[in-house]
PDB file of N, CA and C in Angstrom:
ATOM      1  N   MET A   1     107.285 144.083 120.535  1.00  0.00           N
ATOM      2  CA  MET A   1     106.291 144.981 121.536  1.00  0.00           C
ATOM      3  C   MET A   1     104.978 144.376 120.989  1.00  0.00           C
ATOM      4  N   SER A   2     104.241 144.028 121.982  1.00  0.00           N
ATOM      5  CA  SER A   2     102.867 143.673 121.991  1.00  0.00           C
ATOM      6  C   SER A   2     101.925 144.682 122.094  1.00  0.00           C
ATOM      7  N   ASN A   3     100.680 144.676 121.465  1.00  0.00           N
ATOM      8  CA  ASN A   3      99.867 145.744 121.621  1.00  0.00           C
ATOM      9  C   ASN A   3      98.699 145.038 122.602  1.00  0.00           C
ATOM     10  N   ASN A   4      98.723 145.862 123.765  1.00  0.00           N
ATOM     11  CA  ASN A   4      97.782 145.491 124.747  1.00  0.00           C
ATOM     12  C   ASN A   4      96.076 145.258 124.054  1.00  0.00           C
ATOM     13  N   ASN A   5      95.915 146.394 123.476  1.00  0.00           N
ATOM     14  CA  ASN A   5      94.460 146.293 122.916  1.00  0.00           C
ATOM     15  C   ASN A   5      94.227 144.933 122.024  1.00  0.00           C
ATOM     16  N   THR A   6      95.092 144.569 121.340  1.00  0.00           N
ATOM     17  CA  THR A   6      94.859 143.267 120.516  1.00  0.00           C
ATOM     18  C   THR A   6      94.958 142.133 121.574  1.00  0.00           C
ATOM     19  N   ALA A   7      95.810 142.010 122.603  1.00  0.00           N
ATOM     20  CA  ALA A   7      95.651 141.130 123.539  1.00  0.00           C
ATOM     21  C   ALA A   7      94.368 140.893 124.311  1.00  0.00           C
ATOM     22  N   ASN A   8      93.880 142.064 124.533  1.00  0.00           N
ATOM     23  CA  ASN A   8      92.711 142.025 125.118  1.00  0.00           C
ATOM     24  C   ASN A   8      91.183 141.741 124.503  1.00  0.00           C
ATOM     25  N   THR A   9      91.448 141.945 122.997  1.00  0.00           N
ATOM     26  CA  THR A   9      90.193 141.609 122.221  1.00  0.00           C
ATOM     27  C   THR A   9      89.477 140.462 122.427  1.00  0.00           C
ATOM     28  N   PRO A  10      90.289 139.381 122.510  1.00  0.00           N
ATOM     29  CA  PRO A  10      89.093 138.106 123.025  1.00  0.00           C
ATOM     30  C   PRO A  10      88.479 138.210 124.211  1.00  0.00           C
ATOM     31  N   SER A  11      89.138 138.597 125.274  1.00  0.00           N
ATOM     32  CA  SER A  11      88.414 138.779 126.552  1.00  0.00           C
ATOM     33  C   SER A  11      87.360 139.848 126.472  1.00  0.00           C
ATOM     34  N   ILE A  12      87.417 141.014 125.658  1.00  0.00           N
ATOM     35  CA  ILE A  12      86.402 142.004 125.490  1.00  0.00           C
ATOM     36  C   ILE A  12      85.114 141.428 124.694  1.00  0.00           C
ATOM     37  N   VAL A  13      85.481 140.792 123.737  1.00  0.00           N
ATOM     38  CA  VAL A  13      84.497 140.108 122.853  1.00  0.00           C
ATOM     39  C   VAL A  13      83.819 138.895 123.801  1.00  0.00           C
ATOM     40  N   SER A  14      84.334 138.207 124.380  1.00  0.00           N
ATOM     41  CA  SER A  14      83.777 137.170 125.500  1.00  0.00           C
ATOM     42  C   SER A  14      82.901 137.948 126.545  1.00  0.00           C
ATOM     43  N   LYS A  15      83.325 139.001 126.850  1.00  0.00           N
ATOM     44  CA  LYS A  15      82.623 139.806 127.847  1.00  0.00           C
ATOM     45  C   LYS A  15      81.295 140.229 127.279  1.00  0.00           C
ATOM     46  N   VAL A  16      81.349 140.809 125.957  1.00  0.00           N
ATOM     47  CA  VAL A  16      80.378 141.359 125.132  1.00  0.00           C
ATOM     48  C   VAL A  16      79.250 140.475 125.023  1.00  0.00           C
ATOM     49  N   TRP A  17      79.718 139.000 124.548  1.00  0.00           N
ATOM     50  CA  TRP A  17      78.722 138.147 124.443  1.00  0.00           C
ATOM     51  C   TRP A  17      77.893 137.655 125.474  1.00  0.00           C
ATOM     52  N   ALA A  18      78.651 137.667 126.615  1.00  0.00           N
ATOM     53  CA  ALA A  18      78.378 137.265 128.060  1.00  0.00           C
ATOM     54  C   ALA A  18      77.267 138.142 128.420  1.00  0.00           C
ATOM     55  N   PHE A  19      77.479 139.661 128.429  1.00  0.00           N
ATOM     56  CA  PHE A  19      76.504 140.462 128.517  1.00  0.00           C
ATOM     57  C   PHE A  19      75.224 140.406 127.668  1.00  0.00           C
ATOM     58  N   CYS A  20      75.460 139.922 126.308  1.00  0.00           N
ATOM     59  CA  CYS A  20      74.216 139.753 125.519  1.00  0.00           C
ATOM     60  C   CYS A  20      73.472 138.671 125.770  1.00  0.00           C
ATOM     61  N   ASN A  21      73.978 137.631 126.119  1.00  0.00           N
ATOM     62  CA  ASN A  21      73.250 136.489 126.809  1.00  0.00           C
ATOM     63  C   ASN A  21      72.512 136.784 127.939  1.00  0.00           C
ATOM     64  N   THR A  22      73.056 137.380 128.644  1.00  0.00           N
ATOM     65  CA  THR A  22      72.312 137.812 130.098  1.00  0.00           C
ATOM     66  C   THR A  22      71.333 138.765 129.643  1.00  0.00           C
ATOM     67  N   LEU A  23      71.382 139.580 128.896  1.00  0.00           N
ATOM     68  CA  LEU A  23      70.111 140.361 128.468  1.00  0.00           C
ATOM     69  C   LEU A  23      69.096 139.555 127.896  1.00  0.00           C
ATOM     70  N   ARG A  24      69.439 138.721 127.000  1.00  0.00           N
ATOM     71  CA  ARG A  24      68.636 137.884 126.196  1.00  0.00           C
ATOM     72  C   ARG A  24      68.017 136.975 127.070  1.00  0.00           C
ATOM     73  N   ASP A  25      68.574 136.543 128.032  1.00  0.00           N
ATOM     74  CA  ASP A  25      67.991 135.528 129.100  1.00  0.00           C
ATOM     75  C   ASP A  25      66.963 136.193 129.939  1.00  0.00           C
ATOM     76  N   ASP A  26      67.305 137.566 130.096  1.00  0.00           N
ATOM     77  CA  ASP A  26      66.321 138.326 131.058  1.00  0.00           C
ATOM     78  C   ASP A  26      64.918 139.064 130.168  1.00  0.00           C
ATOM     79  N   GLY A  27      64.893 138.528 128.965  1.00  0.00           N
ATOM     80  CA  GLY A  27      63.959 138.809 128.119  1.00  0.00           C
ATOM     81  C   GLY A  27      64.096 140.136 127.280  1.00  0.00           C
ATOM     82  N   VAL A  28      65.370 140.761 127.141  1.00  0.00           N
ATOM     83  CA  VAL A  28      65.545 141.774 126.269  1.00  0.00           C
ATOM     84  C   VAL A  28      65.755 141.543 124.894  1.00  0.00           C
ATOM     85  N   GLY A  29      65.189 142.204 124.135  1.00  0.00           N
ATOM     86  CA  GLY A  29      65.129 141.707 122.614  1.00  0.00           C
ATOM     87  C   GLY A  29      66.491 142.042 121.846  1.00  0.00           C
ATOM     88  N   TYR A  30      66.843 141.512 121.071  1.00  0.00           N
ATOM     89  CA  TYR A  30      67.979 141.561 120.198  1.00  0.00           C
ATOM     90  C   TYR A  30      68.197 142.954 119.798  1.00  0.00           C
ATOM     91  N   GLY A  31      67.287 143.820 119.224  1.00  0.00           N
ATOM     92  CA  GLY A  31      67.354 145.337 118.885  1.00  0.00           C
ATOM     93  C   GLY A  31      67.811 146.048 120.255  1.00  0.00           C
ATOM     94  N   ASP A  32      67.011 145.732 121.337  1.00  0.00           N
ATOM     95  CA  ASP A  32      67.127 146.587 122.413  1.00  0.00           C
ATOM     96  C   ASP A  32      68.462 146.387 122.848  1.00  0.00           C
ATOM     97  N   TYR A  33      69.126 145.224 123.045  1.00  0.00           N
ATOM     98  CA  TYR A  33      70.422 145.283 123.690  1.00  0.00           C
ATOM     99  C   TYR A  33      71.592 145.623 122.532  1.00  0.00           C
ATOM    100  N   LEU A  34      71.281 145.696 121.686  1.00  0.00           N
ATOM    101  CA  LEU A  34      72.236 146.063 120.350  1.00  0.00           C
ATOM    102  C   LEU A  34      72.253 147.394 120.581  1.00  0.00           C
ATOM    103  N   GLU A  35      71.067 148.223 120.773  1.00  0.00           N
ATOM    104  CA  GLU A  35      71.177 149.701 120.814  1.00  0.00           C
ATOM    105  C   GLU A  35      71.913 149.998 122.214  1.00  0.00           C
ATOM    106  N   GLN A  36      71.591 149.463 123.188  1.00  0.00           N
ATOM    107  CA  GLN A  36      72.300 149.644 124.500  1.00  0.00           C
ATOM    108  C   GLN A  36      73.739 149.577 124.274  1.00  0.00           C
ATOM    109  N   LEU A  37      74.140 148.331 123.674  1.00  0.00           N
ATOM    110  CA  LEU A  37      75.677 148.079 123.305  1.00  0.00           C
ATOM    111  C   LEU A  37      76.422 149.182 122.560  1.00  0.00           C
ATOM    112  N   THR A  38      75.576 149.781 121.660  1.00  0.00           N
ATOM    113  CA  THR A  38      75.941 150.598 120.733  1.00  0.00           C
ATOM    114  C   THR A  38      76.408 151.971 121.483  1.00  0.00           C
ATOM    115  N   TYR A  39      75.443 152.289 122.339  1.00  0.00           N
ATOM    116  CA  TYR A  39      75.503 153.526 123.170  1.00  0.00           C
ATOM    117  C   TYR A  39      76.821 153.420 123.921  1.00  0.00           C
ATOM    118  N   LEU A  40      76.999 152.318 124.743  1.00  0.00           N
ATOM    119  CA  LEU A  40      78.095 152.056 125.636  1.00  0.00           C
ATOM    120  C   LEU A  40      79.393 152.221 124.789  1.00  0.00           C
ATOM    121  N   LEU A  41      79.447 151.322 123.482  1.00  0.00           N
ATOM    122  CA  LEU A  41      80.675 151.258 122.845  1.00  0.00           C
ATOM    123  C   LEU A  41      80.974 152.880 122.361  1.00  0.00           C
ATOM    124  N   PHE A  42      80.027 153.530 121.802  1.00  0.00           N
ATOM    125  CA  PHE A  42      80.333 155.025 121.500  1.00  0.00           C
ATOM    126  C   PHE A  42      80.710 155.811 122.615  1.00  0.00           C
ATOM    127  N   LEU A  43      80.251 155.479 123.894  1.00  0.00           N
ATOM    128  CA  LEU A  43      80.796 156.357 125.072  1.00  0.00           C
ATOM    129  C   LEU A  43      82.210 155.996 125.195  1.00  0.00           C
ATOM    130  N   LYS A  44      82.612 154.652 125.101  1.00  0.00           N
ATOM    131  CA  LYS A  44      83.970 154.143 125.411  1.00  0.00           C
ATOM    132  C   LYS A  44      84.848 154.598 124.389  1.00  0.00           C
ATOM    133  N   MET A  45      84.522 154.565 123.170  1.00  0.00           N
ATOM    134  CA  MET A  45      85.292 154.913 122.128  1.00  0.00           C
ATOM    135  C   MET A  45      85.508 156.631 122.344  1.00  0.00           C
ATOM    136  N   ALA A  46      84.561 157.334 122.890  1.00  0.00           N
ATOM    137  CA  ALA A  46      84.752 158.777 122.974  1.00  0.00           C
ATOM    138  C   ALA A  46      85.797 158.972 123.983  1.00  0.00           C
ATOM    139  N   ASP A  47      85.676 158.335 125.058  1.00  0.00           N
ATOM    140  CA  ASP A  47      86.635 158.255 126.213  1.00  0.00           C
ATOM    141  C   ASP A  47      88.064 158.017 125.591  1.00  0.00           C
ATOM    142  N   GLU A  48      88.176 157.005 124.848  1.00  0.00           N
ATOM    143  CA  GLU A  48      89.580 156.639 124.444  1.00  0.00           C
ATOM    144  C   GLU A  48      90.090 157.743 123.515  1.00  0.00           C
ATOM    145  N   TYR A  49      89.335 158.267 122.687  1.00  0.00           N
ATOM    146  CA  TYR A  49      89.742 159.444 121.660  1.00  0.00           C
ATOM    147  C   TYR A  49      89.993 160.610 122.403  1.00  0.00           C
ATOM    148  N   SER A  50      89.504 160.779 123.689  1.00  0.00           N
ATOM    149  CA  SER A  50      89.697 162.041 124.443  1.00  0.00           C
ATOM    150  C   SER A  50      91.139 161.840 124.967  1.00  0.00           C
ATOM    151  N   ARG A  51      91.736 160.795 125.148  1.00  0.00           N
ATOM    152  CA  ARG A  51      92.882 160.511 126.009  1.00  0.00           C
ATOM    153  C   ARG A  51      94.018 160.528 125.157  1.00  0.00           C
ATOM    154  N   PRO A  52      95.400 160.802 125.592  1.00  0.00           N
ATOM    155  CA  PRO A  52      96.593 160.453 124.535  1.00  0.00           C
ATOM    156  C   PRO A  52      96.648 159.017 123.985  1.00  0.00           C
ATOM    157  N   PRO A  53      97.065 159.048 122.671  1.00  0.00           N
ATOM    158  CA  PRO A  53      97.576 159.917 121.957  1.00  0.00           C
ATOM    159  C   PRO A  53      96.749 160.742 121.109  1.00  0.00           C
ATOM    160  N   HIS A  54      95.470 160.623 121.133  1.00  0.00           N
ATOM    161  CA  HIS A  54      94.537 161.276 120.157  1.00  0.00           C
ATOM    162  C   HIS A  54      94.136 162.611 120.761  1.00  0.00           C
ATOM    163  N   ASN A  55      93.895 162.709 122.026  1.00  0.00           N
ATOM    164  CA  ASN A  55      93.767 164.072 122.730  1.00  0.00           C
ATOM    165  C   ASN A  55      92.450 164.979 121.957  1.00  0.00           C
ATOM    166  N   ARG A  56      91.482 164.091 121.311  1.00  0.00           N
ATOM    167  CA  ARG A  56      90.466 164.977 120.739  1.00  0.00           C
ATOM    168  C   ARG A  56      89.454 165.537 121.713  1.00  0.00           C
ATOM    169  N   LYS A  57      88.754 166.511 121.486  1.00  0.00           N
ATOM    170  CA  LYS A  57      87.717 167.196 122.138  1.00  0.00           C
ATOM    171  C   LYS A  57      86.326 166.396 121.721  1.00  0.00           C
ATOM    172  N   MET A  58      85.734 165.772 122.840  1.00  0.00           N
ATOM    173  CA  MET A  58      84.561 164.866 122.401  1.00  0.00           C
ATOM    174  C   MET A  58      83.313 165.688 122.730  1.00  0.00           C
ATOM    175  N   PRO A  59      82.198 165.489 122.175  1.00  0.00           N
ATOM    176  CA  PRO A  59      81.123 166.254 122.452  1.00  0.00           C
ATOM    177  C   PRO A  59      80.062 165.674 123.743  1.00  0.00           C
ATOM    178  N   ILE A  60      80.847 164.706 124.661  1.00  0.00           N
ATOM    179  CA  ILE A  60      80.226 164.226 125.532  1.00  0.00           C
ATOM    180  C   ILE A  60      80.265 165.149 126.755  1.00  0.00           C
ATOM    181  N   PRO A  61      79.213 165.620 127.501  1.00  0.00           N
ATOM    182  CA  PRO A  61      79.094 166.313 128.685  1.00  0.00           C
ATOM    183  C   PRO A  61      79.743 165.540 129.863  1.00  0.00           C
ATOM    184  N   THR A  62      80.460 165.987 130.595  1.00  0.00           N
ATOM    185  CA  THR A  62      81.159 165.318 131.637  1.00  0.00           C
ATOM    186  C   THR A  62      80.256 164.577 132.597  1.00  0.00           C
ATOM    187  N   THR A  63      79.181 165.090 132.910  1.00  0.00           N
ATOM    188  CA  THR A  63      78.240 164.409 133.458  1.00  0.00           C
ATOM    189  C   THR A  63      77.632 163.163 133.134  1.00  0.00           C
ATOM    190  N   TYR A  64      78.001 162.738 131.636  1.00  0.00           N
ATOM    191  CA  TYR A  64      77.327 161.697 131.000  1.00  0.00           C
ATOM    192  C   TYR A  64      78.569 160.931 130.545  1.00  0.00           C
ATOM    193  N   ASN A  65      79.849 160.991 130.546  1.00  0.00           N
ATOM    194  CA  ASN A  65      80.855 160.588 130.164  1.00  0.00           C
ATOM    195  C   ASN A  65      81.175 158.941 130.601  1.00  0.00           C
ATOM    196  N   TRP A  66      81.926 158.340 130.014  1.00  0.00           N
ATOM    197  CA  TRP A  66      82.341 156.875 130.323  1.00  0.00           C
ATOM    198  C   TRP A  66      82.551 156.738 131.824  1.00  0.00           C
ATOM    199  N   ALA A  67      83.734 157.708 132.327  1.00  0.00           N
ATOM    200  CA  ALA A  67      83.810 157.701 133.552  1.00  0.00           C
ATOM    201  C   ALA A  67      82.779 157.563 134.652  1.00  0.00           C
ATOM    202  N   THR A  68      81.799 158.294 134.317  1.00  0.00           N
ATOM    203  CA  THR A  68      80.670 158.368 135.294  1.00  0.00           C
ATOM    204  C   THR A  68      79.900 157.038 135.355  1.00  0.00           C
ATOM    205  N   LEU A  69      80.089 156.222 134.418  1.00  0.00           N
ATOM    206  CA  LEU A  69      79.499 154.937 134.490  1.00  0.00           C
ATOM    207  C   LEU A  69      80.304 154.033 135.020  1.00  0.00           C
ATOM    208  N   THR A  70      81.751 154.206 135.267  1.00  0.00           N
ATOM    209  CA  THR A  70      82.566 153.084 135.609  1.00  0.00           C
ATOM    210  C   THR A  70      82.758 153.335 137.172  1.00  0.00           C
ATOM    211  N   ASN A  71      82.236 154.518 137.810  1.00  0.00           N
ATOM    212  CA  ASN A  71      82.406 154.653 139.300  1.00  0.00           C
ATOM    213  C   ASN A  71      81.021 154.282 140.109  1.00  0.00           C
ATOM    214  N   LYS A  72      80.130 153.854 139.318  1.00  0.00           N
ATOM    215  CA  LYS A  72      78.799 153.498 140.161  1.00  0.00           C
ATOM    216  C   LYS A  72      78.397 152.028 139.996  1.00  0.00           C
ATOM    217  N   SER A  73      77.587 151.729 140.672  1.00  0.00           N
ATOM    218  CA  SER A  73      77.111 150.257 140.687  1.00  0.00           C
ATOM    219  C   SER A  73      75.778 150.163 141.282  1.00  0.00           C
ATOM    220  N   GLY A  74      75.058 148.950 140.947  1.00  0.00           N
ATOM    221  CA  GLY A  74      73.590 148.713 141.368  1.00  0.00           C
ATOM    222  C   GLY A  74      72.472 149.816 141.018  1.00  0.00           C
ATOM    223  N   ASP A  75      71.665 150.186 141.933  1.00  0.00           N
ATOM    224  CA  ASP A  75      70.750 151.003 141.509  1.00  0.00           C
ATOM    225  C   ASP A  75      71.145 152.330 141.135  1.00  0.00           C
ATOM    226  N   GLU A  76      72.398 152.861 141.743  1.00  0.00           N
ATOM    227  CA  GLU A  76      72.734 154.430 141.280  1.00  0.00           C
ATOM    228  C   GLU A  76      73.514 154.239 139.865  1.00  0.00           C
ATOM    229  N   LEU A  77      73.869 153.072 139.320  1.00  0.00           N
ATOM    230  CA  LEU A  77      74.289 153.034 138.110  1.00  0.00           C
ATOM    231  C   LEU A  77      73.067 152.824 137.045  1.00  0.00           C
ATOM    232  N   GLU A  78      72.013 152.299 137.647  1.00  0.00           N
ATOM    233  CA  GLU A  78      71.082 152.135 136.858  1.00  0.00           C
ATOM    234  C   GLU A  78      70.254 153.459 136.483  1.00  0.00           C
ATOM    235  N   VAL A  79      70.175 154.110 137.408  1.00  0.00           N
ATOM    236  CA  VAL A  79      69.429 155.362 137.402  1.00  0.00           C
ATOM    237  C   VAL A  79      70.407 156.577 136.566  1.00  0.00           C
ATOM    238  N   HIS A  80      71.570 156.366 136.890  1.00  0.00           N
ATOM    239  CA  HIS A  80      72.335 157.424 136.087  1.00  0.00           C
ATOM    240  C   HIS A  80      72.503 156.945 134.531  1.00  0.00           C
ATOM    241  N   TYR A  81      72.486 155.671 134.233  1.00  0.00           N
ATOM    242  CA  TYR A  81      72.443 155.426 132.822  1.00  0.00           C
ATOM    243  C   TYR A  81      71.123 155.502 132.146  1.00  0.00           C
ATOM    244  N   ASN A  82      69.996 155.291 132.871  1.00  0.00           N
ATOM    245  CA  ASN A  82      68.565 155.884 132.340  1.00  0.00           C
ATOM    246  C   ASN A  82      68.784 157.273 132.088  1.00  0.00           C
ATOM    247  N   SER A  83      69.258 158.126 132.954  1.00  0.00           N
ATOM    248  CA  SER A  83      69.351 159.618 132.404  1.00  0.00           C
ATOM    249  C   SER A  83      70.323 160.034 131.492  1.00  0.00           C
ATOM    250  N   LEU A  84      71.356 159.121 131.320  1.00  0.00           N
ATOM    251  CA  LEU A  84      72.290 159.273 130.468  1.00  0.00           C
ATOM    252  C   LEU A  84      71.739 159.055 128.830  1.00  0.00           C
ATOM    253  N   LEU A  85      70.855 157.976 128.881  1.00  0.00           N
ATOM    254  CA  LEU A  85      70.269 157.875 127.770  1.00  0.00           C
ATOM    255  C   LEU A  85      69.005 158.941 127.300  1.00  0.00           C
ATOM    256  N   ARG A  86      68.304 159.518 128.193  1.00  0.00           N
ATOM    257  CA  ARG A  86      67.414 160.440 127.906  1.00  0.00           C
ATOM    258  C   ARG A  86      68.118 161.948 127.699  1.00  0.00           C
ATOM    259  N   GLU A  87      69.105 162.316 128.383  1.00  0.00           N
ATOM    260  CA  GLU A  87      69.525 163.798 128.302  1.00  0.00           C
ATOM    261  C   GLU A  87      70.401 163.879 127.014  1.00  0.00           C
ATOM    262  N   PRO A  88      71.191 163.082 126.467  1.00  0.00           N
ATOM    263  CA  PRO A  88      71.994 163.429 125.227  1.00  0.00           C
ATOM    264  C   PRO A  88      71.199 163.626 123.930  1.00  0.00           C
ATOM    265  N   CYS A  89      69.889 162.855 123.926  1.00  0.00           N
ATOM    266  CA  CYS A  89      69.174 162.723 122.856  1.00  0.00           C
ATOM    267  C   CYS A  89      68.496 164.108 122.546  1.00  0.00           C
ATOM    268  N   GLN A  90      68.353 164.769 123.741  1.00  0.00           N
ATOM    269  CA  GLN A  90      67.590 166.173 123.575  1.00  0.00           C
ATOM    270  C   GLN A  90      68.572 167.387 123.252  1.00  0.00           C
ATOM    271  N   ARG A  91      69.900 166.980 123.241  1.00  0.00           N
ATOM    272  CA  ARG A  91      70.839 168.031 122.511  1.00  0.00           C
ATOM    273  C   ARG A  91      70.906 168.197 121.176  1.00  0.00           C
ATOM    274  N   LYS A  92      71.271 169.218 120.404  1.00  0.00           N
ATOM    275  CA  LYS A  92      71.364 169.569 119.243  1.00  0.00           C
ATOM    276  C   LYS A  92      72.648 168.776 118.556  1.00  0.00           C
ATOM    277  N   GLY A  93      73.050 168.700 117.575  1.00  0.00           N
ATOM    278  CA  GLY A  93      73.938 168.499 116.906  1.00  0.00           C
ATOM    279  C   GLY A  93      74.180 166.715 116.732  1.00  0.00           C
ATOM    280  N   ILE A  94      75.444 166.547 116.662  1.00  0.00           N
ATOM    281  CA  ILE A  94      75.779 165.040 116.533  1.00  0.00           C
ATOM    282  C   ILE A  94      75.346 164.030 117.582  1.00  0.00           C
ATOM    283  N   LEU A  95      75.684 164.606 118.831  1.00  0.00           N
ATOM    284  CA  LEU A  95      75.556 163.858 119.932  1.00  0.00           C
ATOM    285  C   LEU A  95      73.845 163.473 119.954  1.00  0.00           C
ATOM    286  N   GLY A  96      73.060 164.361 119.789  1.00  0.00           N
ATOM    287  CA  GLY A  96      71.462 164.132 120.000  1.00  0.00           C
ATOM    288  C   GLY A  96      71.107 163.308 118.813  1.00  0.00           C
ATOM    289  N   GLN A  97      71.829 163.386 117.564  1.00  0.00           N
ATOM    290  CA  GLN A  97      71.391 162.374 116.417  1.00  0.00           C
ATOM    291  C   GLN A  97      72.068 161.134 117.016  1.00  0.00           C
ATOM    292  N   ILE A  98      72.871 160.714 117.626  1.00  0.00           N
ATOM    293  CA  ILE A  98      73.439 159.406 117.854  1.00  0.00           C
ATOM    294  C   ILE A  98      72.638 158.788 118.923  1.00  0.00           C
ATOM    295  N   PHE A  99      72.106 159.580 119.803  1.00  0.00           N
ATOM    296  CA  PHE A  99      71.230 158.959 121.000  1.00  0.00           C
ATOM    297  C   PHE A  99      69.719 159.335 120.805  1.00  0.00           C
ATOM    298  N   TYR A 100      69.360 159.696 119.625  1.00  0.00           N
ATOM    299  CA  TYR A 100      67.878 159.688 119.366  1.00  0.00           C
ATOM    300  C   TYR A 100      67.426 158.441 118.804  1.00  0.00           C
TER     301      TYR A 100
END
């Protein structure tokens, strides 16, 4: 029995580095794109942990969870992503600390 997560790892790593290269080529600094990727990875991990077999309750508001990023594109995605970065940092608790 193979593990799909393991099989997809090289593909995911390749995509992440491609995104980093694109951001760098567009003039985004290392610290800035590292911060953005960290937020995205946090949201993706929270999404994964909220699903079976983990079924954990995560502190992400449904208006700012991973799924809200995957169903948007272009300007709509950019506007939503920018609000996603602003709103959670104003919340109390761990979510606010992560996004601060």
